Amino acid sequence: MSPRPASAALKRSAPVFAALGDATRLYVVSRLSDGGPMSITELTDGSDVTRQAVTKHLNVLADAGLVRDSWQGRERVWELKTRQLEEARRVLDAISSKWDEALERLRAMIEEP
């Protein structure tokens, strides 16, 4: 039987799941994971999201520990931090494992002679 996700890991992952619960923030995370560090201008290129909106969403992602910013010259550049995402994935894996085990027990009960 797989271990339950630790309460502390669940608490640490909750802000990650909340931050990723918005389509624009998912878009930003996807862009950063595909293209590496980007400026707000680069993140808004080809989208109908304003720079002001992207900045707001980046701040939410930063509060959840998913992105960090740095200055390159006069430009603020954002990059993805993967540690929080990896921990959230481990939490989801543990939850998924519990579901797999429950479904296996149900299958065994149904198929029992």
Protein backbone atom coordinates (compact mmCIF):
# COMPACT_ATOMS: atom_id res chain seq x y z
CA MET A 1 0.00 0.00 0.00
CA SER A 2 1.39 3.43 -0.95
CA PRO A 3 1.89 6.07 1.71
CA ARG A 4 -0.59 8.92 1.98
CA PRO A 5 0.74 12.31 0.94
CA ALA A 6 2.10 13.97 4.06
CA SER A 7 -0.05 16.70 5.52
CA ALA A 8 2.82 19.18 5.22
CA ALA A 9 3.27 18.33 1.51
CA LEU A 10 -0.46 18.82 0.94
CA LYS A 11 -0.33 22.23 2.64
CA ARG A 12 2.72 23.28 0.62
CA SER A 13 1.10 22.16 -2.64
CA ALA A 14 -2.28 23.83 -2.08
CA PRO A 15 -1.08 27.29 -3.25
CA VAL A 16 0.44 25.65 -6.35
CA PHE A 17 -2.87 24.02 -7.27
CA ALA A 18 -4.74 27.26 -6.58
CA ALA A 19 -2.34 29.25 -8.75
CA LEU A 20 -2.57 26.74 -11.58
CA GLY A 21 -6.37 26.84 -11.45
CA ASP A 22 -6.45 29.81 -13.83
CA ALA A 23 -6.18 29.42 -17.61
CA THR A 24 -3.94 32.47 -18.05
CA ARG A 25 -1.53 31.29 -15.37
CA LEU A 26 -1.42 27.83 -16.94
CA TYR A 27 -0.63 29.53 -20.25
CA VAL A 28 2.21 31.50 -18.64
CA VAL A 29 3.65 28.38 -16.98
CA SER A 30 3.42 26.53 -20.27
CA ARG A 31 5.23 29.33 -22.13
CA LEU A 32 7.98 29.44 -19.51
CA SER A 33 8.40 25.67 -19.53
CA ASP A 34 8.69 25.62 -23.33
CA GLY A 35 10.79 28.72 -23.87
CA GLY A 36 12.86 29.24 -20.75
CA PRO A 37 13.17 32.64 -19.06
CA MET A 38 11.10 35.37 -20.73
CA SER A 39 10.26 39.01 -20.33
CA ILE A 40 6.66 40.15 -19.97
CA THR A 41 6.81 41.40 -23.55
CA GLU A 42 7.84 37.95 -24.76
CA LEU A 43 5.14 36.30 -22.65
CA THR A 44 2.43 38.50 -24.14
CA ASP A 45 3.58 38.20 -27.77
CA GLY A 46 0.96 36.40 -29.81
CA SER A 47 -1.70 36.51 -27.10
CA ASP A 48 -4.56 38.82 -26.29
CA VAL A 49 -3.46 39.15 -22.65
CA THR A 50 -2.15 42.57 -21.64
CA ARG A 51 1.21 43.09 -20.02
CA GLN A 52 -0.55 44.37 -16.91
CA ALA A 53 -2.61 41.17 -16.67
CA VAL A 54 0.43 38.95 -17.21
CA THR A 55 2.30 40.87 -14.51
CA LYS A 56 -0.59 40.28 -12.09
CA HIS A 57 -0.63 36.56 -12.91
CA LEU A 58 3.15 36.30 -12.60
CA ASN A 59 2.94 37.77 -9.11
CA VAL A 60 0.38 35.12 -8.12
CA LEU A 61 2.66 32.42 -9.54
CA ALA A 62 5.63 33.92 -7.67
CA ASP A 63 3.65 33.91 -4.40
CA ALA A 64 3.02 30.19 -4.96
CA GLY A 65 6.75 29.62 -5.52
CA LEU A 66 6.37 28.70 -9.19
CA VAL A 67 8.31 31.52 -10.84
CA ARG A 68 11.02 34.00 -9.97
CA ASP A 69 12.13 37.19 -11.60
CA SER A 70 15.48 38.80 -12.21
CA TRP A 71 16.67 41.89 -13.98
CA GLN A 72 18.67 41.66 -17.18
CA GLY A 73 19.63 45.21 -17.93
CA ARG A 74 16.41 47.24 -17.89
CA GLU A 75 14.22 44.22 -18.51
CA ARG A 76 12.55 42.06 -15.90
CA VAL A 77 12.82 38.37 -16.87
CA TRP A 78 10.73 35.56 -15.40
CA GLU A 79 11.66 31.91 -15.13
CA LEU A 80 9.94 28.77 -13.92
CA LYS A 81 10.95 27.22 -10.62
CA THR A 82 10.35 23.49 -10.85
CA ARG A 83 10.75 22.41 -7.21
CA GLN A 84 7.18 23.34 -6.24
CA LEU A 85 5.79 21.70 -9.38
CA GLU A 86 7.72 18.52 -8.65
CA GLU A 87 6.41 18.36 -5.09
CA ALA A 88 2.84 18.97 -6.31
CA ARG A 89 3.31 16.16 -8.85
CA ARG A 90 4.42 13.81 -6.07
CA VAL A 91 1.29 14.71 -4.09
CA LEU A 92 -0.89 13.98 -7.13
CA ASP A 93 0.97 10.71 -7.70
CA ALA A 94 0.28 9.62 -4.10
CA ILE A 95 -3.41 10.53 -4.45
CA SER A 96 -3.59 8.73 -7.79
CA SER A 97 -1.99 5.66 -6.26
CA LYS A 98 -4.70 5.58 -3.59
CA TRP A 99 -7.37 5.66 -6.30
CA ASP A 100 -5.61 2.86 -8.17
CA GLU A 101 -5.55 0.76 -5.00
CA ALA A 102 -9.24 1.43 -4.30
CA LEU A 103 -10.20 0.49 -7.85
CA GLU A 104 -8.14 -2.69 -7.60
CA ARG A 105 -9.92 -3.66 -4.35
CA LEU A 106 -13.28 -2.97 -6.00
CA ARG A 107 -12.32 -5.09 -9.03
CA ALA A 108 -11.22 -7.93 -6.76
CA MET A 109 -14.52 -7.80 -4.84
CA ILE A 110 -16.60 -7.79 -8.02
CA GLU A 111 -14.66 -10.62 -9.63
CA GLU A 112 -14.65 -12.78 -6.50
CA PRO A 113 -16.57 -16.07 -7.00
